[in-house]
Amino acid sequence: MIKDTLSISGMTCAACAAAIEANIRKLDGAVSAAINFATEKLAIEYDESLLSLKEIQEAIAKMGYNAVLDAPEKAENEVIIPIGGMTCASCAQNLEKALEEPKGF
């Protein structure tokens, strides 16, 4: 069994995430698939003798999304900050947009 994490781009709502998750679970060899819409990540476990990473990526592409394997190493300057009070994916997107805006430093 292989466990991978893919970054998924092109999702616009939780229904997109649910559709990808459901379709990936139907693939022969897929053991589990779970999408975190807020982080745009797909955690998948699959039997490599029945299913390849390329086949997973192609299935996602057929649905109109892009899937890229996450790099296993973390950036040295990465910081994880727990944030409370967010109640939906829109909250997370608004926070991400606010943090990405240049402030003229």
PDB file of N, CA and C in Angstrom:
ATOM      1  N   MET A   1       0.830  -1.185   0.000  1.00  0.00           N
ATOM      2  CA  MET A   1       0.000   0.000   0.000  1.00  0.00           C
ATOM      3  C   MET A   1       0.872   1.245   0.000  1.00  0.00           C
ATOM      4  N   ILE A   2       0.408   2.247  -0.709  1.00  0.00           N
ATOM      5  CA  ILE A   2       1.106   3.531  -0.779  1.00  0.00           C
ATOM      6  C   ILE A   2       0.172   4.598  -0.254  1.00  0.00           C
ATOM      7  N   LYS A   3       0.724   5.521   0.520  1.00  0.00           N
ATOM      8  CA  LYS A   3      -0.020   6.691   0.976  1.00  0.00           C
ATOM      9  C   LYS A   3       0.645   7.918   0.374  1.00  0.00           C
ATOM     10  N   ASP A   4      -0.142   8.728  -0.322  1.00  0.00           N
ATOM     11  CA  ASP A   4       0.373   9.954  -0.929  1.00  0.00           C
ATOM     12  C   ASP A   4      -0.558  11.106  -0.587  1.00  0.00           C
ATOM     13  N   THR A   5      -0.013  12.313  -0.710  1.00  0.00           N
ATOM     14  CA  THR A   5      -0.813  13.520  -0.572  1.00  0.00           C
ATOM     15  C   THR A   5      -0.649  14.315  -1.849  1.00  0.00           C
ATOM     16  N   LEU A   6      -1.779  14.683  -2.449  1.00  0.00           N
ATOM     17  CA  LEU A   6      -1.775  15.459  -3.683  1.00  0.00           C
ATOM     18  C   LEU A   6      -2.379  16.825  -3.430  1.00  0.00           C
ATOM     19  N   SER A   7      -1.811  17.836  -4.049  1.00  0.00           N
ATOM     20  CA  SER A   7      -2.414  19.165  -4.044  1.00  0.00           C
ATOM     21  C   SER A   7      -3.374  19.225  -5.219  1.00  0.00           C
ATOM     22  N   ILE A   8      -4.611  19.624  -4.948  1.00  0.00           N
ATOM     23  CA  ILE A   8      -5.646  19.694  -5.975  1.00  0.00           C
ATOM     24  C   ILE A   8      -5.964  21.157  -6.246  1.00  0.00           C
ATOM     25  N   SER A   9      -5.898  21.569  -7.499  1.00  0.00           N
ATOM     26  CA  SER A   9      -6.266  22.946  -7.840  1.00  0.00           C
ATOM     27  C   SER A   9      -7.501  22.932  -8.734  1.00  0.00           C
ATOM     28  N   GLY A  10      -8.271  24.018  -8.645  1.00  0.00           N
ATOM     29  CA  GLY A  10      -9.453  24.158  -9.473  1.00  0.00           C
ATOM     30  C   GLY A  10     -10.758  23.938  -8.740  1.00  0.00           C
ATOM     31  N   MET A  11     -10.701  23.502  -7.480  1.00  0.00           N
ATOM     32  CA  MET A  11     -11.941  23.298  -6.723  1.00  0.00           C
ATOM     33  C   MET A  11     -12.494  24.657  -6.305  1.00  0.00           C
ATOM     34  N   THR A  12     -13.803  24.813  -6.427  1.00  0.00           N
ATOM     35  CA  THR A  12     -14.430  26.078  -6.041  1.00  0.00           C
ATOM     36  C   THR A  12     -15.393  25.933  -4.871  1.00  0.00           C
ATOM     37  N   CYS A  13     -15.724  24.694  -4.512  1.00  0.00           N
ATOM     38  CA  CYS A  13     -16.674  24.510  -3.408  1.00  0.00           C
ATOM     39  C   CYS A  13     -16.496  23.110  -2.815  1.00  0.00           C
ATOM     40  N   ALA A  14     -17.196  22.887  -1.709  1.00  0.00           N
ATOM     41  CA  ALA A  14     -17.127  21.595  -1.045  1.00  0.00           C
ATOM     42  C   ALA A  14     -17.705  20.483  -1.922  1.00  0.00           C
ATOM     43  N   ALA A  15     -18.637  20.818  -2.787  1.00  0.00           N
ATOM     44  CA  ALA A  15     -19.208  19.808  -3.695  1.00  0.00           C
ATOM     45  C   ALA A  15     -18.145  19.304  -4.678  1.00  0.00           C
ATOM     46  N   CYS A  16     -17.256  20.197  -5.111  1.00  0.00           N
ATOM     47  CA  CYS A  16     -16.150  19.779  -5.987  1.00  0.00           C
ATOM     48  C   CYS A  16     -15.288  18.741  -5.260  1.00  0.00           C
ATOM     49  N   ALA A  17     -14.949  19.046  -4.023  1.00  0.00           N
ATOM     50  CA  ALA A  17     -14.123  18.143  -3.223  1.00  0.00           C
ATOM     51  C   ALA A  17     -14.813  16.802  -3.036  1.00  0.00           C
ATOM     52  N   ALA A  18     -16.098  16.828  -2.729  1.00  0.00           N
ATOM     53  CA  ALA A  18     -16.852  15.586  -2.525  1.00  0.00           C
ATOM     54  C   ALA A  18     -16.903  14.746  -3.802  1.00  0.00           C
ATOM     55  N   ALA A  19     -17.059  15.401  -4.941  1.00  0.00           N
ATOM     56  CA  ALA A  19     -17.116  14.679  -6.214  1.00  0.00           C
ATOM     57  C   ALA A  19     -15.778  14.009  -6.528  1.00  0.00           C
ATOM     58  N   ILE A  20     -14.679  14.726  -6.303  1.00  0.00           N
ATOM     59  CA  ILE A  20     -13.354  14.138  -6.539  1.00  0.00           C
ATOM     60  C   ILE A  20     -13.151  12.949  -5.625  1.00  0.00           C
ATOM     61  N   GLU A  21     -13.429  13.150  -4.349  1.00  0.00           N
ATOM     62  CA  GLU A  21     -13.263  12.089  -3.360  1.00  0.00           C
ATOM     63  C   GLU A  21     -14.058  10.844  -3.750  1.00  0.00           C
ATOM     64  N   ALA A  22     -15.320  11.022  -4.105  1.00  0.00           N
ATOM     65  CA  ALA A  22     -16.178   9.893  -4.473  1.00  0.00           C
ATOM     66  C   ALA A  22     -15.657   9.171  -5.709  1.00  0.00           C
ATOM     67  N   ASN A  23     -15.238   9.909  -6.717  1.00  0.00           N
ATOM     68  CA  ASN A  23     -14.742   9.294  -7.951  1.00  0.00           C
ATOM     69  C   ASN A  23     -13.422   8.573  -7.740  1.00  0.00           C
ATOM     70  N   ILE A  24     -12.551   9.110  -6.915  1.00  0.00           N
ATOM     71  CA  ILE A  24     -11.264   8.462  -6.660  1.00  0.00           C
ATOM     72  C   ILE A  24     -11.478   7.167  -5.875  1.00  0.00           C
ATOM     73  N   ARG A  25     -12.396   7.183  -4.936  1.00  0.00           N
ATOM     74  CA  ARG A  25     -12.692   5.973  -4.151  1.00  0.00           C
ATOM     75  C   ARG A  25     -13.200   4.830  -5.029  1.00  0.00           C
ATOM     76  N   LYS A  26     -13.805   5.149  -6.172  1.00  0.00           N
ATOM     77  CA  LYS A  26     -14.340   4.136  -7.079  1.00  0.00           C
ATOM     78  C   LYS A  26     -13.256   3.451  -7.908  1.00  0.00           C
ATOM     79  N   LEU A  27     -12.059   4.042  -7.969  1.00  0.00           N
ATOM     80  CA  LEU A  27     -10.985   3.460  -8.773  1.00  0.00           C
ATOM     81  C   LEU A  27     -10.552   2.125  -8.185  1.00  0.00           C
ATOM     82  N   ASP A  28     -10.342   1.156  -9.059  1.00  0.00           N
ATOM     83  CA  ASP A  28      -9.873  -0.160  -8.622  1.00  0.00           C
ATOM     84  C   ASP A  28      -8.479  -0.013  -8.028  1.00  0.00           C
ATOM     85  N   GLY A  29      -8.337  -0.380  -6.776  1.00  0.00           N
ATOM     86  CA  GLY A  29      -7.050  -0.265  -6.095  1.00  0.00           C
ATOM     87  C   GLY A  29      -7.016   0.851  -5.070  1.00  0.00           C
ATOM     88  N   ALA A  30      -7.991   1.753  -5.109  1.00  0.00           N
ATOM     89  CA  ALA A  30      -8.053   2.837  -4.116  1.00  0.00           C
ATOM     90  C   ALA A  30      -8.567   2.258  -2.807  1.00  0.00           C
ATOM     91  N   VAL A  31      -7.828   2.485  -1.736  1.00  0.00           N
ATOM     92  CA  VAL A  31      -8.223   1.996  -0.415  1.00  0.00           C
ATOM     93  C   VAL A  31      -8.964   3.088   0.336  1.00  0.00           C
ATOM     94  N   SER A  32      -8.425   4.304   0.307  1.00  0.00           N
ATOM     95  CA  SER A  32      -9.093   5.435   0.948  1.00  0.00           C
ATOM     96  C   SER A  32      -8.725   6.724   0.230  1.00  0.00           C
ATOM     97  N   ALA A  33      -9.619   7.692   0.316  1.00  0.00           N
ATOM     98  CA  ALA A  33      -9.378   9.010  -0.274  1.00  0.00           C
ATOM     99  C   ALA A  33     -10.123  10.027   0.573  1.00  0.00           C
ATOM    100  N   ALA A  34      -9.405  11.079   0.993  1.00  0.00           N
ATOM    101  CA  ALA A  34     -10.031  12.127   1.802  1.00  0.00           C
ATOM    102  C   ALA A  34      -9.467  13.469   1.375  1.00  0.00           C
ATOM    103  N   ILE A  35     -10.377  14.410   1.070  1.00  0.00           N
ATOM    104  CA  ILE A  35      -9.958  15.746   0.651  1.00  0.00           C
ATOM    105  C   ILE A  35     -10.224  16.734   1.765  1.00  0.00           C
ATOM    106  N   ASN A  36      -9.247  17.593   2.005  1.00  0.00           N
ATOM    107  CA  ASN A  36      -9.430  18.745   2.877  1.00  0.00           C
ATOM    108  C   ASN A  36      -9.593  19.933   1.940  1.00  0.00           C
ATOM    109  N   PHE A  37     -10.829  20.419   1.806  1.00  0.00           N
ATOM    110  CA  PHE A  37     -11.109  21.501   0.862  1.00  0.00           C
ATOM    111  C   PHE A  37     -10.329  22.762   1.209  1.00  0.00           C
ATOM    112  N   ALA A  38     -10.221  23.083   2.494  1.00  0.00           N
ATOM    113  CA  ALA A  38      -9.551  24.318   2.910  1.00  0.00           C
ATOM    114  C   ALA A  38      -8.078  24.340   2.512  1.00  0.00           C
ATOM    115  N   THR A  39      -7.406  23.196   2.606  1.00  0.00           N
ATOM    116  CA  THR A  39      -5.979  23.140   2.258  1.00  0.00           C
ATOM    117  C   THR A  39      -5.752  22.661   0.828  1.00  0.00           C
ATOM    118  N   GLU A  40      -6.828  22.241   0.160  1.00  0.00           N
ATOM    119  CA  GLU A  40      -6.768  21.718  -1.208  1.00  0.00           C
ATOM    120  C   GLU A  40      -5.837  20.518  -1.321  1.00  0.00           C
ATOM    121  N   LYS A  41      -5.944  19.608  -0.347  1.00  0.00           N
ATOM    122  CA  LYS A  41      -5.103  18.412  -0.313  1.00  0.00           C
ATOM    123  C   LYS A  41      -5.956  17.157  -0.355  1.00  0.00           C
ATOM    124  N   LEU A  42      -5.492  16.178  -1.107  1.00  0.00           N
ATOM    125  CA  LEU A  42      -6.108  14.860  -1.175  1.00  0.00           C
ATOM    126  C   LEU A  42      -5.145  13.866  -0.549  1.00  0.00           C
ATOM    127  N   ALA A  43      -5.584  13.215   0.522  1.00  0.00           N
ATOM    128  CA  ALA A  43      -4.806  12.134   1.123  1.00  0.00           C
ATOM    129  C   ALA A  43      -5.372  10.842   0.567  1.00  0.00           C
ATOM    130  N   ILE A  44      -4.523  10.056  -0.058  1.00  0.00           N
ATOM    131  CA  ILE A  44      -4.992   8.827  -0.696  1.00  0.00           C
ATOM    132  C   ILE A  44      -4.091   7.660  -0.329  1.00  0.00           C
ATOM    133  N   GLU A  45      -4.726   6.523  -0.123  1.00  0.00           N
ATOM    134  CA  GLU A  45      -4.010   5.270   0.086  1.00  0.00           C
ATOM    135  C   GLU A  45      -4.478   4.322  -1.004  1.00  0.00           C
ATOM    136  N   TYR A  46      -3.525   3.665  -1.662  1.00  0.00           N
ATOM    137  CA  TYR A  46      -3.882   2.796  -2.782  1.00  0.00           C
ATOM    138  C   TYR A  46      -2.906   1.642  -2.922  1.00  0.00           C
ATOM    139  N   ASP A  47      -3.383   0.606  -3.581  1.00  0.00           N
ATOM    140  CA  ASP A  47      -2.578  -0.581  -3.861  1.00  0.00           C
ATOM    141  C   ASP A  47      -1.837  -0.330  -5.167  1.00  0.00           C
ATOM    142  N   GLU A  48      -0.524  -0.197  -5.068  1.00  0.00           N
ATOM    143  CA  GLU A  48       0.275   0.150  -6.250  1.00  0.00           C
ATOM    144  C   GLU A  48       0.301  -0.952  -7.302  1.00  0.00           C
ATOM    145  N   SER A  49      -0.115  -2.154  -6.956  1.00  0.00           N
ATOM    146  CA  SER A  49      -0.170  -3.216  -7.965  1.00  0.00           C
ATOM    147  C   SER A  49      -1.434  -3.100  -8.831  1.00  0.00           C
ATOM    148  N   LEU A  50      -2.418  -2.323  -8.366  1.00  0.00           N
ATOM    149  CA  LEU A  50      -3.664  -2.149  -9.110  1.00  0.00           C
ATOM    150  C   LEU A  50      -3.867  -0.741  -9.654  1.00  0.00           C
ATOM    151  N   LEU A  51      -3.207   0.235  -9.044  1.00  0.00           N
ATOM    152  CA  LEU A  51      -3.455   1.636  -9.370  1.00  0.00           C
ATOM    153  C   LEU A  51      -2.154   2.418  -9.248  1.00  0.00           C
ATOM    154  N   SER A  52      -1.912   3.304 -10.195  1.00  0.00           N
ATOM    155  CA  SER A  52      -0.701   4.122 -10.150  1.00  0.00           C
ATOM    156  C   SER A  52      -1.048   5.577  -9.845  1.00  0.00           C
ATOM    157  N   LEU A  53      -0.053   6.314  -9.408  1.00  0.00           N
ATOM    158  CA  LEU A  53      -0.231   7.739  -9.145  1.00  0.00           C
ATOM    159  C   LEU A  53      -0.662   8.452 -10.426  1.00  0.00           C
ATOM    160  N   LYS A  54      -0.073   8.069 -11.547  1.00  0.00           N
ATOM    161  CA  LYS A  54      -0.419   8.681 -12.834  1.00  0.00           C
ATOM    162  C   LYS A  54      -1.898   8.459 -13.160  1.00  0.00           C
ATOM    163  N   GLU A  55      -2.415   7.260 -12.899  1.00  0.00           N
ATOM    164  CA  GLU A  55      -3.828   6.974 -13.154  1.00  0.00           C
ATOM    165  C   GLU A  55      -4.736   7.831 -12.261  1.00  0.00           C
ATOM    166  N   ILE A  56      -4.320   8.040 -11.038  1.00  0.00           N
ATOM    167  CA  ILE A  56      -5.091   8.896 -10.119  1.00  0.00           C
ATOM    168  C   ILE A  56      -5.113  10.321 -10.652  1.00  0.00           C
ATOM    169  N   GLN A  57      -3.943  10.821 -11.037  1.00  0.00           N
ATOM    170  CA  GLN A  57      -3.850  12.186 -11.570  1.00  0.00           C
ATOM    171  C   GLN A  57      -4.673  12.334 -12.857  1.00  0.00           C
ATOM    172  N   GLU A  58      -4.649  11.321 -13.713  1.00  0.00           N
ATOM    173  CA  GLU A  58      -5.430  11.366 -14.950  1.00  0.00           C
ATOM    174  C   GLU A  58      -6.929  11.372 -14.658  1.00  0.00           C
ATOM    175  N   ALA A  59      -7.371  10.592 -13.664  1.00  0.00           N
ATOM    176  CA  ALA A  59      -8.786  10.563 -13.302  1.00  0.00           C
ATOM    177  C   ALA A  59      -9.231  11.930 -12.782  1.00  0.00           C
ATOM    178  N   ILE A  60      -8.375  12.581 -12.011  1.00  0.00           N
ATOM    179  CA  ILE A  60      -8.687  13.916 -11.490  1.00  0.00           C
ATOM    180  C   ILE A  60      -8.713  14.928 -12.633  1.00  0.00           C
ATOM    181  N   ALA A  61      -7.785  14.802 -13.572  1.00  0.00           N
ATOM    182  CA  ALA A  61      -7.746  15.707 -14.732  1.00  0.00           C
ATOM    183  C   ALA A  61      -9.008  15.566 -15.584  1.00  0.00           C
ATOM    184  N   LYS A  62      -9.528  14.336 -15.733  1.00  0.00           N
ATOM    185  CA  LYS A  62     -10.757  14.116 -16.503  1.00  0.00           C
ATOM    186  C   LYS A  62     -11.946  14.824 -15.870  1.00  0.00           C
ATOM    187  N   MET A  63     -11.868  15.055 -14.553  1.00  0.00           N
ATOM    188  CA  MET A  63     -12.942  15.771 -13.846  1.00  0.00           C
ATOM    189  C   MET A  63     -12.764  17.286 -13.941  1.00  0.00           C
ATOM    190  N   GLY A  64     -11.650  17.724 -14.537  1.00  0.00           N
ATOM    191  CA  GLY A  64     -11.429  19.152 -14.726  1.00  0.00           C
ATOM    192  C   GLY A  64     -10.559  19.821 -13.685  1.00  0.00           C
ATOM    193  N   TYR A  65      -9.816  19.037 -12.911  1.00  0.00           N
ATOM    194  CA  TYR A  65      -8.959  19.578 -11.863  1.00  0.00           C
ATOM    195  C   TYR A  65      -7.514  19.162 -12.118  1.00  0.00           C
ATOM    196  N   ASN A  66      -6.598  19.764 -11.393  1.00  0.00           N
ATOM    197  CA  ASN A  66      -5.190  19.435 -11.522  1.00  0.00           C
ATOM    198  C   ASN A  66      -4.707  18.846 -10.208  1.00  0.00           C
ATOM    199  N   ALA A  67      -3.922  17.782 -10.269  1.00  0.00           N
ATOM    200  CA  ALA A  67      -3.393  17.129  -9.071  1.00  0.00           C
ATOM    201  C   ALA A  67      -1.884  16.988  -9.184  1.00  0.00           C
ATOM    202  N   VAL A  68      -1.179  17.477  -8.168  1.00  0.00           N
ATOM    203  CA  VAL A  68       0.283  17.418  -8.137  1.00  0.00           C
ATOM    204  C   VAL A  68       0.707  16.782  -6.823  1.00  0.00           C
ATOM    205  N   LEU A  69       1.649  15.861  -6.892  1.00  0.00           N
ATOM    206  CA  LEU A  69       2.169  15.204  -5.697  1.00  0.00           C
ATOM    207  C   LEU A  69       2.874  16.225  -4.816  1.00  0.00           C
ATOM    208  N   ASP A  70       2.524  16.243  -3.529  1.00  0.00           N
ATOM    209  CA  ASP A  70       3.192  17.141  -2.588  1.00  0.00           C
ATOM    210  C   ASP A  70       4.625  16.690  -2.366  1.00  0.00           C
ATOM    211  N   ALA A  71       5.505  17.651  -2.223  1.00  0.00           N
ATOM    212  CA  ALA A  71       6.902  17.343  -1.916  1.00  0.00           C
ATOM    213  C   ALA A  71       6.979  16.840  -0.478  1.00  0.00           C
ATOM    214  N   PRO A  72       7.734  15.778  -0.231  1.00  0.00           N
ATOM    215  CA  PRO A  72       7.782  15.222   1.116  1.00  0.00           C
ATOM    216  C   PRO A  72       8.501  16.100   2.134  1.00  0.00           C
ATOM    217  N   GLU A  73       9.426  16.921   1.683  1.00  0.00           N
ATOM    218  CA  GLU A  73      10.170  17.743   2.635  1.00  0.00           C
ATOM    219  C   GLU A  73       9.455  19.068   2.883  1.00  0.00           C
ATOM    220  N   LYS A  74       9.599  19.567   4.091  1.00  0.00           N
ATOM    221  CA  LYS A  74       8.991  20.839   4.478  1.00  0.00           C
ATOM    222  C   LYS A  74      10.010  21.955   4.271  1.00  0.00           C
ATOM    223  N   ALA A  75       9.508  23.119   3.953  1.00  0.00           N
ATOM    224  CA  ALA A  75      10.372  24.285   3.819  1.00  0.00           C
ATOM    225  C   ALA A  75      10.924  24.661   5.194  1.00  0.00           C
ATOM    226  N   GLU A  76      12.157  25.103   5.233  1.00  0.00           N
ATOM    227  CA  GLU A  76      12.784  25.452   6.507  1.00  0.00           C
ATOM    228  C   GLU A  76      12.110  26.636   7.175  1.00  0.00           C
ATOM    229  N   ASN A  77      11.510  27.513   6.396  1.00  0.00           N
ATOM    230  CA  ASN A  77      10.898  28.701   6.969  1.00  0.00           C
ATOM    231  C   ASN A  77       9.394  28.546   7.158  1.00  0.00           C
ATOM    232  N   GLU A  78       8.892  27.325   7.152  1.00  0.00           N
ATOM    233  CA  GLU A  78       7.471  27.080   7.320  1.00  0.00           C
ATOM    234  C   GLU A  78       7.093  27.161   8.795  1.00  0.00           C
ATOM    235  N   VAL A  79       5.995  27.842   9.066  1.00  0.00           N
ATOM    236  CA  VAL A  79       5.479  27.977  10.422  1.00  0.00           C
ATOM    237  C   VAL A  79       4.023  27.555  10.412  1.00  0.00           C
ATOM    238  N   ILE A  80       3.628  26.755  11.373  1.00  0.00           N
ATOM    239  CA  ILE A  80       2.235  26.347  11.502  1.00  0.00           C
ATOM    240  C   ILE A  80       1.638  27.092  12.688  1.00  0.00           C
ATOM    241  N   ILE A  81       0.579  27.857  12.409  1.00  0.00           N
ATOM    242  CA  ILE A  81      -0.077  28.660  13.438  1.00  0.00           C
ATOM    243  C   ILE A  81      -1.516  28.181  13.569  1.00  0.00           C
ATOM    244  N   PRO A  82      -1.898  27.640  14.731  1.00  0.00           N
ATOM    245  CA  PRO A  82      -3.294  27.231  14.890  1.00  0.00           C
ATOM    246  C   PRO A  82      -4.202  28.456  14.949  1.00  0.00           C
ATOM    247  N   ILE A  83      -5.308  28.407  14.219  1.00  0.00           N
ATOM    248  CA  ILE A  83      -6.245  29.531  14.166  1.00  0.00           C
ATOM    249  C   ILE A  83      -7.623  29.010  14.532  1.00  0.00           C
ATOM    250  N   GLY A  84      -8.233  29.613  15.516  1.00  0.00           N
ATOM    251  CA  GLY A  84      -9.563  29.204  15.950  1.00  0.00           C
ATOM    252  C   GLY A  84     -10.626  30.133  15.386  1.00  0.00           C
ATOM    253  N   GLY A  85     -11.860  29.712  15.462  1.00  0.00           N
ATOM    254  CA  GLY A  85     -12.978  30.559  15.086  1.00  0.00           C
ATOM    255  C   GLY A  85     -13.429  30.457  13.640  1.00  0.00           C
ATOM    256  N   MET A  86     -12.703  29.720  12.825  1.00  0.00           N
ATOM    257  CA  MET A  86     -13.125  29.567  11.430  1.00  0.00           C
ATOM    258  C   MET A  86     -14.213  28.494  11.390  1.00  0.00           C
ATOM    259  N   THR A  87     -15.296  28.795  10.694  1.00  0.00           N
ATOM    260  CA  THR A  87     -16.433  27.877  10.680  1.00  0.00           C
ATOM    261  C   THR A  87     -16.695  27.236   9.322  1.00  0.00           C
ATOM    262  N   CYS A  88     -15.984  27.687   8.282  1.00  0.00           N
ATOM    263  CA  CYS A  88     -16.245  27.126   6.953  1.00  0.00           C
ATOM    264  C   CYS A  88     -15.034  27.359   6.049  1.00  0.00           C
ATOM    265  N   ALA A  89     -15.103  26.796   4.868  1.00  0.00           N
ATOM    266  CA  ALA A  89     -14.011  26.938   3.901  1.00  0.00           C
ATOM    267  C   ALA A  89     -13.853  28.389   3.456  1.00  0.00           C
ATOM    268  N   SER A  90     -14.941  29.130   3.423  1.00  0.00           N
ATOM    269  CA  SER A  90     -14.874  30.541   3.036  1.00  0.00           C
ATOM    270  C   SER A  90     -14.020  31.336   4.023  1.00  0.00           C
ATOM    271  N   CYS A  91     -14.136  31.000   5.314  1.00  0.00           N
ATOM    272  CA  CYS A  91     -13.307  31.658   6.331  1.00  0.00           C
ATOM    273  C   CYS A  91     -11.826  31.425   6.022  1.00  0.00           C
ATOM    274  N   ALA A  92     -11.483  30.181   5.718  1.00  0.00           N
ATOM    275  CA  ALA A  92     -10.095  29.837   5.418  1.00  0.00           C
ATOM    276  C   ALA A  92      -9.618  30.556   4.162  1.00  0.00           C
ATOM    277  N   GLN A  93     -10.453  30.623   3.131  1.00  0.00           N
ATOM    278  CA  GLN A  93     -10.066  31.304   1.897  1.00  0.00           C
ATOM    279  C   GLN A  93      -9.864  32.796   2.138  1.00  0.00           C
ATOM    280  N   ASN A  94     -10.748  33.415   2.916  1.00  0.00           N
ATOM    281  CA  ASN A  94     -10.602  34.842   3.211  1.00  0.00           C
ATOM    282  C   ASN A  94      -9.306  35.120   3.967  1.00  0.00           C
ATOM    283  N   LEU A  95      -8.964  34.258   4.913  1.00  0.00           N
ATOM    284  CA  LEU A  95      -7.724  34.420   5.657  1.00  0.00           C
ATOM    285  C   LEU A  95      -6.513  34.261   4.735  1.00  0.00           C
ATOM    286  N   GLU A  96      -6.538  33.250   3.872  1.00  0.00           N
ATOM    287  CA  GLU A  96      -5.436  33.035   2.939  1.00  0.00           C
ATOM    288  C   GLU A  96      -5.246  34.244   2.021  1.00  0.00           C
ATOM    289  N   LYS A  97      -6.338  34.780   1.496  1.00  0.00           N
ATOM    290  CA  LYS A  97      -6.250  35.948   0.616  1.00  0.00           C
ATOM    291  C   LYS A  97      -5.659  37.137   1.356  1.00  0.00           C
ATOM    292  N   ALA A  98      -6.093  37.340   2.585  1.00  0.00           N
ATOM    293  CA  ALA A  98      -5.606  38.468   3.377  1.00  0.00           C
ATOM    294  C   ALA A  98      -4.109  38.325   3.657  1.00  0.00           C
ATOM    295  N   LEU A  99      -3.641  37.115   3.901  1.00  0.00           N
ATOM    296  CA  LEU A  99      -2.222  36.904   4.192  1.00  0.00           C
ATOM    297  C   LEU A  99      -1.356  36.997   2.946  1.00  0.00           C
ATOM    298  N   GLU A 100      -1.928  36.752   1.771  1.00  0.00           N
ATOM    299  CA  GLU A 100      -1.163  36.797   0.529  1.00  0.00           C
ATOM    300  C   GLU A 100      -1.053  38.200  -0.046  1.00  0.00           C
ATOM    301  N   GLU A 101      -1.895  39.123   0.402  1.00  0.00           N
ATOM    302  CA  GLU A 101      -1.872  40.484  -0.145  1.00  0.00           C
ATOM    303  C   GLU A 101      -0.593  41.205   0.257  1.00  0.00           C
ATOM    304  N   PRO A 102       0.081  41.824  -0.706  1.00  0.00           N
ATOM    305  CA  PRO A 102       1.290  42.589  -0.351  1.00  0.00           C
ATOM    306  C   PRO A 102       0.897  43.827   0.456  1.00  0.00           C
ATOM    307  N   LYS A 103       1.671  44.117   1.488  1.00  0.00           N
ATOM    308  CA  LYS A 103       1.375  45.251   2.357  1.00  0.00           C
ATOM    309  C   LYS A 103       2.381  46.389   2.194  1.00  0.00           C
ATOM    310  N   GLY A 104       3.231  46.306   1.193  1.00  0.00           N
ATOM    311  CA  GLY A 104       4.181  47.383   0.927  1.00  0.00           C
ATOM    312  C   GLY A 104       5.393  47.401   1.839  1.00  0.00           C
ATOM    313  N   PHE A 105       5.812  46.233   2.288  1.00  0.00           N
ATOM    314  CA  PHE A 105       6.986  46.188   3.164  1.00  0.00           C
ATOM    315  C   PHE A 105       8.243  46.470   2.393  1.00  0.00           C
TER     316      PHE A 105
END
